[in-house]
């Protein structure tokens, strides 16, 4: 009998432009651009669903619901950003967050969004990524629920 790998030939193998593995979409250049696009698409979809509900809620309840739904989706992205710190996600993910803020507060597109983010106590996406990375490093250095491979690679410099 012939081994299974000898059945494959170069004619049968075709590279895919992007693949999903463990919920992460990567392309042939190993970037997260396709994954970021998918996360943003899901974020906008959730905002379209929330648009109907937010109008019937109090402002406090709509802020909580929207914050949880919109910030829940990029959570996976923020965890992955520890690997690729501050690369692709910020501009497109920031637009999703800005749309969520505008939905909740009724802010117009012509108005500056930073003061509104500050009033809601929502960190901008780039700062959320930095905060997430700093939290992971802090947990690893202090022996709290951290992956063994991360804690082994980090050394306390203080």
Protein backbone atom coordinates (compact mmCIF):
# COMPACT_ATOMS: atom_id res chain seq x y z
CA UNK A 1 0.00 0.00 0.00
CA UNK A 2 1.12 3.52 -0.70
CA UNK A 3 1.18 6.15 2.01
CA UNK A 4 -1.57 8.78 1.89
CA UNK A 5 0.82 11.63 1.14
CA UNK A 6 2.06 10.02 -2.06
CA UNK A 7 -1.43 10.27 -3.54
CA UNK A 8 -1.16 14.07 -3.63
CA UNK A 9 0.59 15.66 -6.54
CA UNK A 10 1.48 19.25 -7.32
CA UNK A 11 -1.49 19.40 -9.71
CA UNK A 12 -4.01 18.70 -6.93
CA UNK A 13 -2.77 21.26 -4.40
CA UNK A 14 -4.04 24.81 -4.86
CA UNK A 15 -3.16 27.51 -2.33
CA UNK A 16 -6.04 29.44 -0.83
CA UNK A 17 -5.82 33.24 -0.54
CA UNK A 18 -7.01 33.09 3.09
CA UNK A 19 -7.87 30.35 5.58
CA UNK A 20 -9.64 30.13 8.94
CA UNK A 21 -7.88 28.28 11.74
CA UNK A 22 -9.14 28.33 15.34
CA UNK A 23 -11.47 31.18 14.43
CA UNK A 24 -8.69 33.38 13.04
CA UNK A 25 -8.58 34.27 9.36
CA UNK A 26 -5.07 34.62 7.96
CA UNK A 27 -3.91 35.26 4.44
CA UNK A 28 -0.85 34.12 2.52
CA UNK A 29 1.19 37.02 3.96
CA UNK A 30 0.15 36.05 7.54
CA UNK A 31 -1.58 39.35 8.19
CA UNK A 32 -4.80 39.83 10.12
CA UNK A 33 -6.39 42.08 7.49
CA UNK A 34 -9.07 39.55 6.49
CA UNK A 35 -9.80 38.79 10.16
CA UNK A 36 -10.17 42.49 10.96
CA UNK A 37 -12.54 42.87 8.01
CA UNK A 38 -14.66 39.96 9.25
CA UNK A 39 -14.77 41.34 12.81
CA UNK A 40 -15.76 44.80 11.55
CA UNK A 41 -18.45 43.30 9.33
CA UNK A 42 -19.87 41.45 12.33
CA UNK A 43 -19.70 44.63 14.42
CA UNK A 44 -21.66 46.64 11.87
CA UNK A 45 -24.20 43.82 11.61
CA UNK A 46 -24.74 43.94 15.38
CA UNK A 47 -25.13 47.71 15.25
CA UNK A 48 -27.82 47.37 12.58
CA UNK A 49 -29.64 44.91 14.85
CA UNK A 50 -29.27 47.19 17.86
CA UNK A 51 -30.58 50.25 16.01
CA UNK A 52 -34.14 48.94 16.34
CA UNK A 53 -33.80 48.15 20.04
CA UNK A 54 -31.87 51.21 21.25
CA UNK A 55 -34.72 53.59 20.47
CA UNK A 56 -36.96 51.87 23.01
CA UNK A 57 -34.37 51.76 25.83
CA UNK A 58 -33.27 54.39 28.28
CA UNK A 59 -29.99 56.08 27.44
CA UNK A 60 -28.18 54.30 30.28
CA UNK A 61 -29.48 50.89 29.21
CA UNK A 62 -28.69 51.52 25.55
CA UNK A 63 -25.11 52.49 26.45
CA UNK A 64 -24.65 49.27 28.41
CA UNK A 65 -26.21 47.01 25.78
CA UNK A 66 -24.39 48.62 22.88
CA UNK A 67 -21.09 48.67 24.74
CA UNK A 68 -21.35 45.00 25.59
CA UNK A 69 -22.38 43.90 22.09
CA UNK A 70 -19.89 46.05 20.21
CA UNK A 71 -16.96 45.53 22.57
CA UNK A 72 -17.69 41.80 22.79
CA UNK A 73 -16.89 41.20 19.11
CA UNK A 74 -13.45 42.84 19.03
CA UNK A 75 -12.47 41.05 22.25
CA UNK A 76 -11.08 38.15 20.21
CA UNK A 77 -9.31 40.63 18.01
CA UNK A 78 -7.82 42.40 21.01
CA UNK A 79 -6.46 39.11 22.34
CA UNK A 80 -4.84 38.42 18.99
CA UNK A 81 -3.43 41.93 18.88
CA UNK A 82 -1.08 41.03 21.68
CA UNK A 83 0.82 39.17 18.98
CA UNK A 84 0.64 41.93 16.39
CA UNK A 85 0.54 44.95 18.69
CA UNK A 86 -1.00 48.11 17.19
CA UNK A 87 -1.00 47.00 13.56
CA UNK A 88 -4.13 46.65 11.42
CA UNK A 89 -7.15 46.77 13.73
CA UNK A 90 -7.16 50.36 14.89
CA UNK A 91 -8.62 52.38 11.97
CA UNK A 92 -11.38 50.01 10.90
CA UNK A 93 -12.26 48.89 14.44
CA UNK A 94 -12.30 52.53 15.51
CA UNK A 95 -14.93 53.25 12.87
CA UNK A 96 -17.15 50.50 14.32
CA UNK A 97 -16.73 51.94 17.81
CA UNK A 98 -17.47 55.45 16.51
CA UNK A 99 -20.66 54.19 14.85
CA UNK A 100 -21.70 52.59 18.14
CA UNK A 101 -21.12 55.84 20.01
CA UNK A 102 -23.12 57.77 17.43
CA UNK A 103 -25.95 55.24 17.67
CA UNK A 104 -26.14 55.49 21.46
CA UNK A 105 -25.66 59.23 21.88
CA UNK A 106 -27.16 60.59 18.67
CA UNK A 107 -23.91 62.36 17.84
CA UNK A 108 -23.72 63.59 14.25
CA UNK A 109 -20.90 62.54 11.93
CA UNK A 110 -19.72 66.15 11.75
CA UNK A 111 -19.14 66.30 15.52
CA UNK A 112 -15.85 65.27 17.10
CA UNK A 113 -16.11 61.81 18.67
CA UNK A 114 -13.26 61.90 21.25
CA UNK A 115 -15.12 63.96 23.89
CA UNK A 116 -18.13 61.66 23.54
CA UNK A 117 -15.91 58.58 23.98
CA UNK A 118 -14.43 60.17 27.10
CA UNK A 119 -17.88 60.94 28.52
CA UNK A 120 -18.87 57.27 28.06
CA UNK A 121 -15.56 56.11 29.58
CA UNK A 122 -14.78 54.05 26.46
CA UNK A 123 -11.15 53.79 25.45
CA UNK A 124 -10.37 54.26 21.76
CA UNK A 125 -9.49 50.99 20.04
CA UNK A 126 -5.74 51.61 19.89
CA UNK A 127 -5.66 52.36 23.61
CA UNK A 128 -7.86 49.31 24.32
CA UNK A 129 -5.26 47.19 22.53
CA UNK A 130 -2.43 48.76 24.53
CA UNK A 131 -4.41 48.24 27.75
CA UNK A 132 -5.08 44.59 26.87
CA UNK A 133 -1.40 43.91 26.14
CA UNK A 134 -0.36 45.65 29.37
CA UNK A 135 -2.94 43.60 31.33
CA UNK A 136 -1.64 40.34 29.87
CA UNK A 137 1.95 41.27 30.69
CA UNK A 138 0.98 42.34 34.22
CA UNK A 139 -0.83 39.04 34.84
CA UNK A 140 2.12 37.04 33.56
CA UNK A 141 4.66 38.92 35.65
CA UNK A 142 2.55 38.58 38.81
CA UNK A 143 1.72 34.90 38.37
CA UNK A 144 -1.99 35.35 37.75
CA UNK A 145 -4.01 33.31 35.22
CA UNK A 146 -1.54 33.53 32.39
CA UNK A 147 -0.53 31.02 29.75
CA UNK A 148 2.59 29.11 30.68
CA UNK A 149 4.31 29.85 27.37
CA UNK A 150 3.86 33.60 27.93
CA UNK A 151 4.99 33.60 31.54
CA UNK A 152 8.08 31.59 30.62
CA UNK A 153 9.04 34.09 27.92
CA UNK A 154 8.64 37.18 30.10
CA UNK A 155 11.24 38.22 32.60
CA UNK A 156 10.71 40.91 35.19
CA UNK A 157 13.04 43.82 34.41
CA UNK A 158 12.54 45.61 37.73
